[in-house]
N, C-alpha and C. Protein backbone atom coordinates (compact mmCIF):
# COMPACT_ATOMS: atom_id res chain seq x y z
N UNK A 1 -21.66 -9.46 -3.18
CA UNK A 1 -21.34 -9.36 -1.76
C UNK A 1 -21.49 -7.91 -1.34
N UNK A 2 -22.11 -7.67 -0.25
CA UNK A 2 -22.30 -6.33 0.29
C UNK A 2 -20.93 -5.66 0.46
N UNK A 3 -20.85 -4.34 0.20
CA UNK A 3 -19.57 -3.62 0.23
C UNK A 3 -18.89 -3.71 1.59
N UNK A 4 -19.67 -3.69 2.69
CA UNK A 4 -19.05 -3.78 4.01
C UNK A 4 -18.35 -5.13 4.16
N UNK A 5 -18.98 -6.18 3.70
CA UNK A 5 -18.35 -7.51 3.80
C UNK A 5 -17.11 -7.57 2.93
N UNK A 6 -17.15 -6.93 1.76
CA UNK A 6 -15.96 -6.90 0.91
C UNK A 6 -14.81 -6.20 1.63
N UNK A 7 -15.13 -5.08 2.29
CA UNK A 7 -14.09 -4.34 3.02
C UNK A 7 -13.54 -5.18 4.16
N UNK A 8 -14.41 -5.89 4.84
CA UNK A 8 -13.95 -6.74 5.95
C UNK A 8 -13.05 -7.86 5.45
N UNK A 9 -13.43 -8.45 4.33
CA UNK A 9 -12.60 -9.52 3.74
C UNK A 9 -11.25 -8.95 3.31
N UNK A 10 -11.27 -7.78 2.65
CA UNK A 10 -10.02 -7.15 2.24
C UNK A 10 -9.13 -6.87 3.44
N UNK A 11 -9.72 -6.33 4.51
CA UNK A 11 -8.94 -6.03 5.71
C UNK A 11 -8.35 -7.29 6.33
N UNK A 12 -9.12 -8.35 6.34
CA UNK A 12 -8.64 -9.62 6.89
C UNK A 12 -7.49 -10.17 6.05
N UNK A 13 -7.66 -10.15 4.74
CA UNK A 13 -6.60 -10.66 3.86
C UNK A 13 -5.33 -9.83 4.04
N UNK A 14 -5.50 -8.51 4.04
CA UNK A 14 -4.33 -7.65 4.22
C UNK A 14 -3.66 -7.90 5.55
N UNK A 15 -4.45 -8.03 6.60
CA UNK A 15 -3.90 -8.29 7.93
C UNK A 15 -3.16 -9.60 7.98
N UNK A 16 -3.72 -10.62 7.39
CA UNK A 16 -3.06 -11.92 7.38
C UNK A 16 -1.77 -11.87 6.57
N UNK A 17 -1.81 -11.15 5.45
CA UNK A 17 -0.61 -11.03 4.63
C UNK A 17 0.51 -10.33 5.36
N UNK A 18 0.19 -9.26 6.06
CA UNK A 18 1.22 -8.52 6.76
C UNK A 18 1.67 -9.23 8.03
N UNK A 19 0.79 -9.99 8.68
CA UNK A 19 1.22 -10.68 9.89
C UNK A 19 2.18 -11.81 9.55
N UNK A 20 2.05 -12.38 8.37
CA UNK A 20 2.97 -13.44 7.95
C UNK A 20 4.25 -12.89 7.37
N UNK A 21 4.31 -11.58 7.18
CA UNK A 21 5.48 -10.99 6.55
C UNK A 21 6.76 -11.21 7.35
N UNK A 22 6.67 -11.11 8.67
CA UNK A 22 7.86 -11.28 9.49
C UNK A 22 8.45 -12.67 9.33
N UNK A 23 7.61 -13.67 9.22
CA UNK A 23 8.11 -15.04 9.05
C UNK A 23 8.76 -15.22 7.69
N UNK A 24 8.18 -14.60 6.68
CA UNK A 24 8.75 -14.72 5.33
C UNK A 24 10.06 -13.95 5.18
N UNK A 25 10.16 -12.81 5.85
CA UNK A 25 11.25 -11.88 5.63
C UNK A 25 12.63 -12.49 5.79
N UNK A 26 12.81 -13.28 6.81
CA UNK A 26 14.13 -13.85 7.07
C UNK A 26 14.57 -14.76 5.94
N UNK A 27 13.65 -15.50 5.39
CA UNK A 27 13.99 -16.46 4.35
C UNK A 27 13.85 -15.91 2.94
N UNK A 28 12.89 -15.02 2.72
CA UNK A 28 12.61 -14.58 1.37
C UNK A 28 12.05 -13.15 1.36
N UNK A 29 12.93 -12.14 1.39
CA UNK A 29 12.45 -10.77 1.40
C UNK A 29 11.70 -10.41 0.12
N UNK A 30 12.03 -11.07 -0.99
CA UNK A 30 11.31 -10.78 -2.24
C UNK A 30 9.85 -11.19 -2.10
N UNK A 31 9.60 -12.40 -1.60
CA UNK A 31 8.23 -12.86 -1.42
C UNK A 31 7.49 -11.98 -0.42
N UNK A 32 8.19 -11.53 0.60
CA UNK A 32 7.56 -10.68 1.60
C UNK A 32 7.13 -9.37 0.99
N UNK A 33 8.02 -8.70 0.28
CA UNK A 33 7.63 -7.42 -0.30
C UNK A 33 6.58 -7.60 -1.40
N UNK A 34 6.59 -8.73 -2.10
CA UNK A 34 5.52 -8.98 -3.07
C UNK A 34 4.18 -9.16 -2.37
N UNK A 35 4.17 -9.82 -1.24
CA UNK A 35 2.93 -9.98 -0.47
C UNK A 35 2.42 -8.63 0.03
N UNK A 36 3.33 -7.80 0.49
CA UNK A 36 2.94 -6.47 0.96
C UNK A 36 2.38 -5.65 -0.21
N UNK A 37 3.06 -5.69 -1.35
CA UNK A 37 2.58 -4.94 -2.50
C UNK A 37 1.25 -5.48 -3.01
N UNK A 38 1.01 -6.76 -2.87
CA UNK A 38 -0.30 -7.32 -3.25
C UNK A 38 -1.40 -6.72 -2.39
N UNK A 39 -1.12 -6.54 -1.11
CA UNK A 39 -2.12 -5.93 -0.23
C UNK A 39 -2.35 -4.47 -0.63
N UNK A 40 -1.29 -3.77 -1.01
CA UNK A 40 -1.44 -2.38 -1.46
C UNK A 40 -2.22 -2.35 -2.77
N UNK A 41 -1.95 -3.30 -3.66
CA UNK A 41 -2.70 -3.36 -4.91
C UNK A 41 -4.18 -3.58 -4.67
N UNK A 42 -4.52 -4.42 -3.71
CA UNK A 42 -5.93 -4.66 -3.38
C UNK A 42 -6.55 -3.38 -2.81
N UNK A 43 -5.82 -2.70 -1.94
CA UNK A 43 -6.33 -1.45 -1.36
C UNK A 43 -6.50 -0.39 -2.43
N UNK A 44 -5.54 -0.31 -3.35
CA UNK A 44 -5.63 0.67 -4.45
C UNK A 44 -6.80 0.33 -5.37
N UNK A 45 -7.02 -0.95 -5.62
CA UNK A 45 -8.15 -1.36 -6.45
C UNK A 45 -9.48 -0.99 -5.81
N UNK A 46 -9.60 -1.23 -4.52
CA UNK A 46 -10.81 -0.87 -3.79
C UNK A 46 -10.98 0.65 -3.78
N UNK A 47 -9.92 1.34 -3.38
CA UNK A 47 -9.99 2.80 -3.30
C UNK A 47 -10.24 3.45 -4.64
N UNK A 48 -9.51 2.99 -5.66
CA UNK A 48 -9.71 3.53 -7.00
C UNK A 48 -11.11 3.26 -7.52
N UNK A 49 -11.62 2.07 -7.25
CA UNK A 49 -12.98 1.74 -7.68
C UNK A 49 -14.01 2.64 -7.03
N UNK A 50 -13.82 2.95 -5.76
CA UNK A 50 -14.75 3.86 -5.08
C UNK A 50 -14.60 5.28 -5.63
N UNK A 51 -13.36 5.69 -5.90
CA UNK A 51 -13.13 7.05 -6.40
C UNK A 51 -13.73 7.23 -7.79
N UNK A 52 -13.74 6.18 -8.59
CA UNK A 52 -14.31 6.24 -9.94
C UNK A 52 -15.82 6.00 -9.95
N UNK A 53 -16.38 5.63 -8.81
CA UNK A 53 -17.81 5.35 -8.75
C UNK A 53 -18.17 3.95 -9.20
N UNK A 54 -17.18 3.09 -9.40
CA UNK A 54 -17.43 1.71 -9.82
C UNK A 54 -17.84 0.83 -8.63
N UNK A 55 -17.47 1.25 -7.44
CA UNK A 55 -17.80 0.55 -6.19
C UNK A 55 -18.46 1.58 -5.29
N UNK A 56 -19.58 1.21 -4.68
CA UNK A 56 -20.26 2.13 -3.77
C UNK A 56 -19.34 2.47 -2.60
N UNK A 57 -19.29 3.75 -2.26
CA UNK A 57 -18.43 4.18 -1.17
C UNK A 57 -19.05 3.82 0.18
N UNK A 58 -18.21 3.37 1.10
CA UNK A 58 -18.60 3.23 2.50
C UNK A 58 -17.41 3.66 3.34
N UNK A 59 -17.65 4.32 4.46
CA UNK A 59 -16.55 4.73 5.32
C UNK A 59 -15.68 3.56 5.79
N UNK A 60 -16.30 2.41 6.06
CA UNK A 60 -15.52 1.25 6.51
C UNK A 60 -14.57 0.77 5.42
N UNK A 61 -15.04 0.76 4.18
CA UNK A 61 -14.18 0.34 3.08
C UNK A 61 -13.05 1.34 2.86
N UNK A 62 -13.38 2.63 2.99
CA UNK A 62 -12.35 3.65 2.87
C UNK A 62 -11.29 3.50 3.95
N UNK A 63 -11.75 3.26 5.16
CA UNK A 63 -10.82 3.06 6.28
C UNK A 63 -9.94 1.84 6.05
N UNK A 64 -10.52 0.75 5.52
CA UNK A 64 -9.75 -0.47 5.26
C UNK A 64 -8.66 -0.21 4.22
N UNK A 65 -8.99 0.50 3.15
CA UNK A 65 -8.01 0.79 2.11
C UNK A 65 -6.86 1.64 2.67
N UNK A 66 -7.22 2.65 3.44
CA UNK A 66 -6.20 3.54 4.03
C UNK A 66 -5.34 2.78 5.04
N UNK A 67 -5.96 2.00 5.90
CA UNK A 67 -5.21 1.26 6.93
C UNK A 67 -4.25 0.25 6.30
N UNK A 68 -4.68 -0.40 5.23
CA UNK A 68 -3.81 -1.36 4.55
C UNK A 68 -2.59 -0.66 3.95
N UNK A 69 -2.83 0.46 3.27
CA UNK A 69 -1.71 1.21 2.68
C UNK A 69 -0.77 1.72 3.77
N UNK A 70 -1.32 2.18 4.86
CA UNK A 70 -0.48 2.72 5.95
C UNK A 70 0.38 1.61 6.57
N UNK A 71 -0.20 0.45 6.81
CA UNK A 71 0.58 -0.66 7.36
C UNK A 71 1.71 -1.04 6.41
N UNK A 72 1.42 -1.06 5.13
CA UNK A 72 2.46 -1.38 4.15
C UNK A 72 3.56 -0.32 4.15
N UNK A 73 3.17 0.94 4.21
CA UNK A 73 4.15 2.02 4.20
C UNK A 73 5.12 1.93 5.37
N UNK A 74 4.62 1.49 6.51
CA UNK A 74 5.46 1.39 7.69
C UNK A 74 6.39 0.19 7.67
N UNK A 75 6.10 -0.82 6.87
CA UNK A 75 6.90 -2.04 6.89
C UNK A 75 7.68 -2.30 5.61
N UNK A 76 7.22 -1.79 4.49
CA UNK A 76 7.73 -2.17 3.18
C UNK A 76 9.24 -1.96 3.02
N UNK A 77 9.75 -0.86 3.49
CA UNK A 77 11.16 -0.54 3.29
C UNK A 77 12.14 -1.48 3.96
N UNK A 78 11.67 -2.30 4.87
CA UNK A 78 12.55 -3.22 5.58
C UNK A 78 12.93 -4.46 4.77
N UNK A 79 12.37 -4.62 3.59
CA UNK A 79 12.54 -5.88 2.86
C UNK A 79 13.33 -5.72 1.56
N UNK A 80 14.37 -4.88 1.60
CA UNK A 80 15.24 -4.67 0.44
C UNK A 80 16.71 -4.84 0.83
N UNK A 81 17.07 -5.94 1.47
CA UNK A 81 18.48 -6.12 1.85
C UNK A 81 19.35 -6.30 0.61
N UNK A 82 20.63 -6.07 0.78
CA UNK A 82 21.59 -6.31 -0.30
C UNK A 82 21.42 -7.73 -0.80
N UNK A 83 21.47 -7.88 -2.11
CA UNK A 83 21.34 -9.20 -2.72
C UNK A 83 19.92 -9.57 -3.08
N UNK A 84 18.93 -8.81 -2.60
CA UNK A 84 17.55 -9.15 -2.92
C UNK A 84 17.08 -8.48 -4.21
N UNK A 85 18.06 -8.03 -4.99
CA UNK A 85 17.74 -7.49 -6.31
C UNK A 85 17.77 -8.59 -7.38
N UNK A 86 18.16 -9.78 -6.98
CA UNK A 86 18.25 -10.92 -7.90
C UNK A 86 17.04 -11.81 -7.72
N UNK A 87 16.60 -12.45 -8.78
CA UNK A 87 15.47 -13.36 -8.68
C UNK A 87 14.22 -12.76 -9.28
N UNK A 88 13.10 -13.34 -8.95
CA UNK A 88 11.81 -12.94 -9.50
C UNK A 88 11.28 -11.73 -8.74
N UNK A 89 11.75 -10.56 -9.14
CA UNK A 89 11.37 -9.33 -8.46
C UNK A 89 11.08 -8.22 -9.46
N UNK A 90 10.12 -7.40 -9.11
CA UNK A 90 9.80 -6.23 -9.92
C UNK A 90 10.56 -5.00 -9.45
N UNK A 91 11.37 -5.16 -8.42
CA UNK A 91 12.17 -4.05 -7.89
C UNK A 91 13.29 -3.72 -8.87
N UNK A 92 13.43 -2.45 -9.18
CA UNK A 92 14.45 -2.00 -10.13
C UNK A 92 15.77 -1.69 -9.43
N UNK A 93 16.84 -1.75 -10.19
CA UNK A 93 18.19 -1.52 -9.66
C UNK A 93 18.36 -0.19 -8.92
N UNK A 94 17.69 0.90 -9.33
CA UNK A 94 17.88 2.16 -8.59
C UNK A 94 17.55 2.09 -7.10
N UNK A 95 16.79 1.08 -6.67
CA UNK A 95 16.52 0.95 -5.23
C UNK A 95 17.83 0.81 -4.47
N UNK A 96 18.75 0.04 -5.02
CA UNK A 96 20.03 -0.20 -4.35
C UNK A 96 21.09 0.80 -4.80
N UNK A 97 20.97 1.32 -6.02
CA UNK A 97 21.94 2.28 -6.54
C UNK A 97 21.70 3.68 -5.99
N UNK A 98 20.46 4.01 -5.67
CA UNK A 98 20.08 5.32 -5.15
C UNK A 98 19.26 5.12 -3.89
N UNK A 99 19.89 4.56 -2.88
CA UNK A 99 19.19 4.23 -1.63
C UNK A 99 18.56 5.47 -0.99
N UNK A 100 19.22 6.62 -1.07
CA UNK A 100 18.66 7.84 -0.50
C UNK A 100 17.40 8.28 -1.23
N UNK A 101 17.41 8.17 -2.55
CA UNK A 101 16.22 8.52 -3.34
C UNK A 101 15.06 7.59 -3.03
N UNK A 102 15.36 6.29 -2.90
CA UNK A 102 14.32 5.33 -2.56
C UNK A 102 13.77 5.60 -1.16
N UNK A 103 14.65 5.91 -0.24
CA UNK A 103 14.22 6.24 1.13
C UNK A 103 13.32 7.47 1.13
N UNK A 104 13.63 8.44 0.28
CA UNK A 104 12.80 9.65 0.17
C UNK A 104 11.41 9.30 -0.36
N UNK A 105 11.33 8.40 -1.34
CA UNK A 105 10.03 7.97 -1.86
C UNK A 105 9.23 7.23 -0.79
N UNK A 106 9.91 6.36 -0.03
CA UNK A 106 9.23 5.67 1.06
C UNK A 106 8.73 6.65 2.12
N UNK A 107 9.51 7.68 2.39
CA UNK A 107 9.10 8.70 3.36
C UNK A 107 7.85 9.43 2.88
N UNK A 108 7.77 9.70 1.57
CA UNK A 108 6.57 10.35 1.02
C UNK A 108 5.35 9.44 1.17
N UNK A 109 5.55 8.14 0.91
CA UNK A 109 4.47 7.16 1.04
C UNK A 109 4.01 7.10 2.49
N UNK A 110 4.95 7.05 3.42
CA UNK A 110 4.61 7.01 4.84
C UNK A 110 3.87 8.27 5.27
N UNK A 111 4.33 9.42 4.82
CA UNK A 111 3.68 10.68 5.19
C UNK A 111 2.26 10.76 4.63
N UNK A 112 2.10 10.34 3.38
CA UNK A 112 0.77 10.38 2.74
C UNK A 112 -0.20 9.43 3.44
N UNK A 113 0.27 8.23 3.78
CA UNK A 113 -0.63 7.28 4.44
C UNK A 113 -0.93 7.69 5.87
N UNK A 114 0.05 8.28 6.55
CA UNK A 114 -0.18 8.77 7.92
C UNK A 114 -1.22 9.89 7.91
N UNK A 115 -1.09 10.79 6.95
CA UNK A 115 -2.05 11.88 6.83
C UNK A 115 -3.44 11.35 6.51
N UNK A 116 -3.51 10.36 5.60
CA UNK A 116 -4.80 9.76 5.25
C UNK A 116 -5.41 9.05 6.45
N UNK A 117 -4.58 8.34 7.21
CA UNK A 117 -5.08 7.63 8.39
C UNK A 117 -5.63 8.63 9.42
N UNK A 118 -4.92 9.72 9.62
CA UNK A 118 -5.38 10.73 10.56
C UNK A 118 -6.69 11.36 10.07
N UNK A 119 -6.75 11.66 8.79
CA UNK A 119 -7.96 12.28 8.23
C UNK A 119 -9.16 11.34 8.25
N UNK A 120 -8.90 10.05 8.20
CA UNK A 120 -10.01 9.10 8.13
C UNK A 120 -10.72 8.91 9.47
N UNK A 121 -10.08 9.32 10.53
CA UNK A 121 -10.71 9.21 11.84
C UNK A 121 -10.98 7.77 12.24
N UNK A 122 -11.83 7.61 13.21
CA UNK A 122 -12.11 6.28 13.73
C UNK A 122 -12.97 5.44 12.79
N UNK A 123 -13.90 6.08 12.11
CA UNK A 123 -14.88 5.35 11.31
C UNK A 123 -14.62 5.39 9.82
N UNK A 124 -13.58 6.08 9.38
CA UNK A 124 -13.30 6.23 7.96
C UNK A 124 -13.82 7.56 7.46
N UNK A 125 -13.32 7.99 6.31
CA UNK A 125 -13.77 9.27 5.74
C UNK A 125 -15.30 9.27 5.58
N UNK A 126 -15.93 10.36 5.97
CA UNK A 126 -17.38 10.44 6.02
C UNK A 126 -18.07 10.26 4.67
N UNK A 127 -17.44 10.75 3.60
CA UNK A 127 -18.05 10.66 2.28
C UNK A 127 -16.96 10.49 1.23
N UNK A 128 -17.38 10.30 -0.01
CA UNK A 128 -16.41 10.02 -1.08
C UNK A 128 -15.47 11.19 -1.30
N UNK A 129 -15.94 12.42 -1.15
CA UNK A 129 -15.05 13.57 -1.33
C UNK A 129 -13.95 13.59 -0.27
N UNK A 130 -14.30 13.28 0.96
CA UNK A 130 -13.30 13.21 2.02
C UNK A 130 -12.32 12.07 1.75
N UNK A 131 -12.83 10.95 1.24
CA UNK A 131 -11.96 9.82 0.91
C UNK A 131 -11.00 10.19 -0.21
N UNK A 132 -11.51 10.83 -1.25
CA UNK A 132 -10.65 11.24 -2.37
C UNK A 132 -9.53 12.17 -1.89
N UNK A 133 -9.89 13.11 -1.02
CA UNK A 133 -8.89 14.05 -0.49
C UNK A 133 -7.83 13.33 0.31
N UNK A 134 -8.22 12.28 1.04
CA UNK A 134 -7.27 11.54 1.88
C UNK A 134 -6.46 10.53 1.08
N UNK A 135 -7.13 9.79 0.20
CA UNK A 135 -6.47 8.66 -0.47
C UNK A 135 -5.79 9.04 -1.79
N UNK A 136 -6.24 10.10 -2.43
CA UNK A 136 -5.62 10.53 -3.69
C UNK A 136 -4.12 10.73 -3.58
N UNK A 137 -3.64 11.45 -2.57
CA UNK A 137 -2.20 11.63 -2.42
C UNK A 137 -1.44 10.32 -2.19
N UNK A 138 -2.08 9.36 -1.54
CA UNK A 138 -1.44 8.05 -1.34
C UNK A 138 -1.19 7.40 -2.70
N UNK A 139 -2.20 7.40 -3.56
CA UNK A 139 -2.04 6.82 -4.89
C UNK A 139 -0.98 7.57 -5.69
N UNK A 140 -0.89 8.87 -5.49
CA UNK A 140 0.14 9.66 -6.17
C UNK A 140 1.54 9.23 -5.79
N UNK A 141 1.75 8.88 -4.52
CA UNK A 141 3.08 8.43 -4.10
C UNK A 141 3.41 7.07 -4.71
N UNK A 142 2.39 6.23 -4.87
CA UNK A 142 2.62 4.93 -5.51
C UNK A 142 3.13 5.15 -6.94
N UNK A 143 2.44 5.99 -7.67
CA UNK A 143 2.81 6.27 -9.06
C UNK A 143 4.22 6.85 -9.14
N UNK A 144 4.51 7.79 -8.28
CA UNK A 144 5.81 8.45 -8.27
C UNK A 144 6.94 7.45 -8.04
N UNK A 145 6.76 6.57 -7.07
CA UNK A 145 7.79 5.57 -6.75
C UNK A 145 7.96 4.57 -7.89
N UNK A 146 6.84 4.12 -8.44
CA UNK A 146 6.90 3.11 -9.50
C UNK A 146 7.61 3.62 -10.75
N UNK A 147 7.57 4.91 -11.00
CA UNK A 147 8.23 5.48 -12.19
C UNK A 147 9.72 5.20 -12.20
N UNK A 148 10.36 5.20 -11.05
CA UNK A 148 11.81 5.02 -10.97
C UNK A 148 12.22 3.68 -10.38
N UNK A 149 11.48 3.20 -9.39
CA UNK A 149 11.95 2.09 -8.58
C UNK A 149 11.26 0.75 -8.87
N UNK A 150 10.46 0.69 -9.90
CA UNK A 150 9.82 -0.56 -10.31
C UNK A 150 10.22 -0.86 -11.75
N UNK A 151 10.56 -2.12 -12.00
CA UNK A 151 10.94 -2.51 -13.35
C UNK A 151 9.79 -2.26 -14.30
N UNK A 152 10.11 -1.82 -15.51
CA UNK A 152 9.10 -1.61 -16.54
C UNK A 152 8.78 -2.96 -17.19
N UNK A 153 7.52 -3.19 -17.41
CA UNK A 153 7.11 -4.46 -18.06
C UNK A 153 7.12 -4.33 -19.56
């Protein structure tokens, strides 16, 4: 499949996942945050693949990866109510035990994605180097948060 079509499909899937998040949230915040993280995982896979040269870079695909991560950053923190630490979740106890620390990690994620979105402009980062500069810090915030706030497998 042509890379532009892949990016369009990824954007559509991410958009559908996040638009359904509000309906899921009231009944199942765990499923909602898992859906949001799945969209981030897809964006990270696309972005990482382009950064490694495994997927041909296109500005539209770069923009889709950044936009998906940014949408997740703006909504993700809303789905950790008290009691949602039980059940089938990869969320670690420090999310609720150190709410300020978790909020600080979310703020870093939001700042990194906002900066990437601004840098990507209307059409997406012009080339792979611009994409790496914009998206690299986003991936760094994912890693940083997962070290403390995600259960180890």
